Each structure stands twice: as structure tokens, then as C-alpha cells.
């Protein structure tokens, strides 16, 4: 999403971040296989893993999850009270596939990372249009 937002010249207006629901990988760089697959599409995957925190629910307008288990976890981890972030599945924005979850490619081969990137590119394009329509309202 950062790649797309940057390419559209919207990096100053749209903030993107990524976080997981467990702390196990905190501080780790992206998986080398994902980095290689993304690089073949001219997408930079810098950064370090971090766990979602209470401030995320207050700071972001939307929190997207990759699968049903993470959707449940993110909702259960939310701070008490009200917060502005809308929590929803990323695949709500995928238009070119019937996928309802983004599969975890970790234990599969290179094709799994390509599949994930296909879903992410599709969904991020639709997500950007959704964000633009929200700003225009």
C-alpha cells in the first residue's frame, strides 16, 4: 500500500503501517522470500515487524486484517471504550478474486508469495479508491 500511495503522490496525506497480533517477530525484517517476490515487482519491503498496540486503534481510521483468525484477535485486543478505527478484512477490497482471506505463504513455496502479492496489489488499488472516496465526501 505504501508503494501505491507513494506512486500516486499521496504519501503526505495517507499514512500506512503494518502490525501483527503476536510479539514473536517484533523487530524482524520482512521475510526474505517476500522481499524477493516484491522486489521483482519493484516494491520495497523495508521496515520491521511490530505488534499492534492500543494507540493504533486511536491513531488510524482503518485496521485491516489478512485472515479470519487475525480479525478475531484484532477485535479482541482492542482497548476498552470507543476508538475511531474501523476493523475489517482486507479481502473486502479484493475484486479480482473470490478469496476471503490472504493466505500465509510462510510454509509454501515461491508461488505462495506471488499469490499474496497478487491479492495485495488488487486489494490495495481498491482500498486506495475507497480512501479517496471517503476524503472526497
Protein backbone atom coordinates (compact mmCIF):
# COMPACT_ATOMS: atom_id res chain seq x y z
CA UNK A 1 0.00 0.00 0.00
CA UNK A 2 2.87 2.37 0.79
CA UNK A 3 4.25 1.73 -2.69
CA UNK A 4 0.92 2.60 -4.32
CA UNK A 5 0.31 5.64 -2.11
CA UNK A 6 3.82 6.92 -2.89
CA UNK A 7 3.41 6.33 -6.63
CA UNK A 8 0.17 8.35 -6.52
CA UNK A 9 1.90 11.24 -4.71
CA UNK A 10 -0.28 10.79 -1.62
CA UNK A 11 2.36 9.84 0.97
CA UNK A 12 1.90 13.18 2.76
CA UNK A 13 -1.86 12.60 3.09
CA UNK A 14 -2.20 8.86 3.71
CA UNK A 15 -0.31 7.04 6.46
CA UNK A 16 0.16 3.28 6.20
CA UNK A 17 1.62 0.92 8.76
CA UNK A 18 1.76 -2.80 9.41
CA UNK A 19 1.48 -4.74 12.66
CA UNK A 20 0.86 -8.29 13.76
CA UNK A 21 -1.16 -9.71 16.61
CA UNK A 22 1.72 -11.52 18.31
CA UNK A 23 5.03 -10.11 19.51
CA UNK A 24 7.17 -13.08 18.44
CA UNK A 25 8.60 -11.43 15.29
CA UNK A 26 8.89 -7.90 16.72
CA UNK A 27 11.95 -6.19 15.26
CA UNK A 28 12.42 -8.70 12.44
CA UNK A 29 12.69 -7.53 8.82
CA UNK A 30 10.27 -8.84 6.18
CA UNK A 31 10.66 -12.48 5.11
CA UNK A 32 13.47 -12.74 2.54
CA UNK A 33 11.21 -14.62 0.13
CA UNK A 34 8.55 -11.91 0.31
CA UNK A 35 11.22 -9.26 -0.13
CA UNK A 36 12.48 -11.02 -3.28
CA UNK A 37 8.98 -11.50 -4.71
CA UNK A 38 8.08 -7.86 -4.02
CA UNK A 39 11.39 -6.62 -5.44
CA UNK A 40 10.62 -8.42 -8.70
CA UNK A 41 7.57 -6.10 -8.89
CA UNK A 42 9.65 -3.02 -7.96
CA UNK A 43 8.08 -2.89 -4.49
CA UNK A 44 10.31 -2.08 -1.49
CA UNK A 45 9.51 -4.09 1.67
CA UNK A 46 11.58 -2.28 4.27
CA UNK A 47 10.65 -1.95 7.90
CA UNK A 48 10.47 -4.13 10.97
CA UNK A 49 7.70 -6.25 12.43
CA UNK A 50 5.80 -4.91 15.42
CA UNK A 51 2.74 -5.88 17.42
CA UNK A 52 -0.48 -3.90 17.22
CA UNK A 53 -0.99 -1.58 20.19
CA UNK A 54 -3.80 0.44 21.74
CA UNK A 55 -2.61 3.65 20.06
CA UNK A 56 -3.21 2.05 16.64
CA UNK A 57 -6.95 1.89 17.33
CA UNK A 58 -6.93 5.60 18.15
CA UNK A 59 -4.47 6.82 15.50
CA UNK A 60 -5.71 5.05 12.38
CA UNK A 61 -9.04 5.31 10.58
CA UNK A 62 -8.92 1.70 9.47
CA UNK A 63 -7.25 -1.52 10.61
CA UNK A 64 -7.29 -4.32 8.06
CA UNK A 65 -6.71 -7.99 8.80
CA UNK A 66 -5.41 -10.66 6.46
CA UNK A 67 -7.44 -13.61 7.74
CA UNK A 68 -10.36 -14.53 9.99
CA UNK A 69 -8.18 -15.51 12.95
CA UNK A 70 -6.45 -12.13 12.91
CA UNK A 71 -9.80 -10.37 12.56
CA UNK A 72 -10.98 -12.00 15.79
CA UNK A 73 -7.66 -11.30 17.52
CA UNK A 74 -7.57 -7.64 16.49
CA UNK A 75 -11.11 -7.11 17.69
CA UNK A 76 -10.34 -8.88 20.99
CA UNK A 77 -7.16 -6.84 21.50
CA UNK A 78 -8.94 -3.51 21.07
CA UNK A 79 -8.83 -1.16 24.04
CA UNK A 80 -11.92 -0.66 26.16
CA UNK A 81 -14.20 2.17 25.16
CA UNK A 82 -14.65 3.76 21.80
CA UNK A 83 -11.98 4.31 19.17
CA UNK A 84 -12.21 5.63 15.62
CA UNK A 85 -10.51 2.77 13.75
CA UNK A 86 -12.76 0.58 11.64
CA UNK A 87 -11.60 -3.06 11.83
CA UNK A 88 -12.35 -5.15 8.75
CA UNK A 89 -10.95 -7.87 6.49
CA UNK A 90 -8.50 -6.75 3.80
CA UNK A 91 -10.20 -9.06 1.30
CA UNK A 92 -13.27 -6.80 1.45
CA UNK A 93 -11.28 -4.73 -1.05
CA UNK A 94 -10.11 -7.56 -3.33
CA UNK A 95 -12.09 -7.50 -6.59
CA UNK A 96 -10.25 -9.91 -8.91
CA UNK A 97 -10.58 -12.99 -6.71
CA UNK A 98 -13.14 -14.75 -4.56
CA UNK A 99 -10.57 -15.06 -1.76
CA UNK A 100 -11.91 -14.16 1.67
CA UNK A 101 -8.51 -14.41 3.36
CA UNK A 102 -4.93 -13.65 2.36
CA UNK A 103 -3.11 -16.97 2.79
CA UNK A 104 0.03 -17.21 4.90
CA UNK A 105 2.80 -18.09 2.42
CA UNK A 106 5.40 -18.84 5.09
CA UNK A 107 5.39 -22.65 4.74
CA UNK A 108 4.78 -22.75 1.00
CA UNK A 109 6.99 -22.18 -1.99
CA UNK A 110 7.61 -19.05 -4.07
CA UNK A 111 4.18 -19.28 -5.74
CA UNK A 112 2.55 -18.59 -2.37
CA UNK A 113 4.30 -15.23 -2.13
CA UNK A 114 3.22 -14.37 -5.67
CA UNK A 115 -0.38 -15.22 -4.79
CA UNK A 116 -0.22 -12.99 -1.73
CA UNK A 117 1.22 -10.13 -3.76
CA UNK A 118 -1.49 -10.55 -6.41
CA UNK A 119 -4.16 -10.23 -3.70
CA UNK A 120 -2.39 -7.30 -2.06
CA UNK A 121 -1.97 -5.36 -5.30
CA UNK A 122 -5.61 -5.92 -6.22
CA UNK A 123 -6.95 -5.04 -2.78
CA UNK A 124 -4.68 -2.03 -2.29
CA UNK A 125 -5.85 -0.48 -5.58
CA UNK A 126 -9.48 -0.81 -4.45
CA UNK A 127 -8.59 0.36 -0.94
CA UNK A 128 -6.98 3.50 -2.33
CA UNK A 129 -10.14 4.27 -4.31
CA UNK A 130 -12.19 3.71 -1.13
CA UNK A 131 -9.95 6.09 0.84
CA UNK A 132 -10.19 8.70 -1.91
CA UNK A 133 -13.98 8.49 -1.88
CA UNK A 134 -14.01 8.95 1.92
CA UNK A 135 -11.82 12.04 1.67
CA UNK A 136 -13.99 13.47 -1.11
CA UNK A 137 -17.19 13.17 0.96
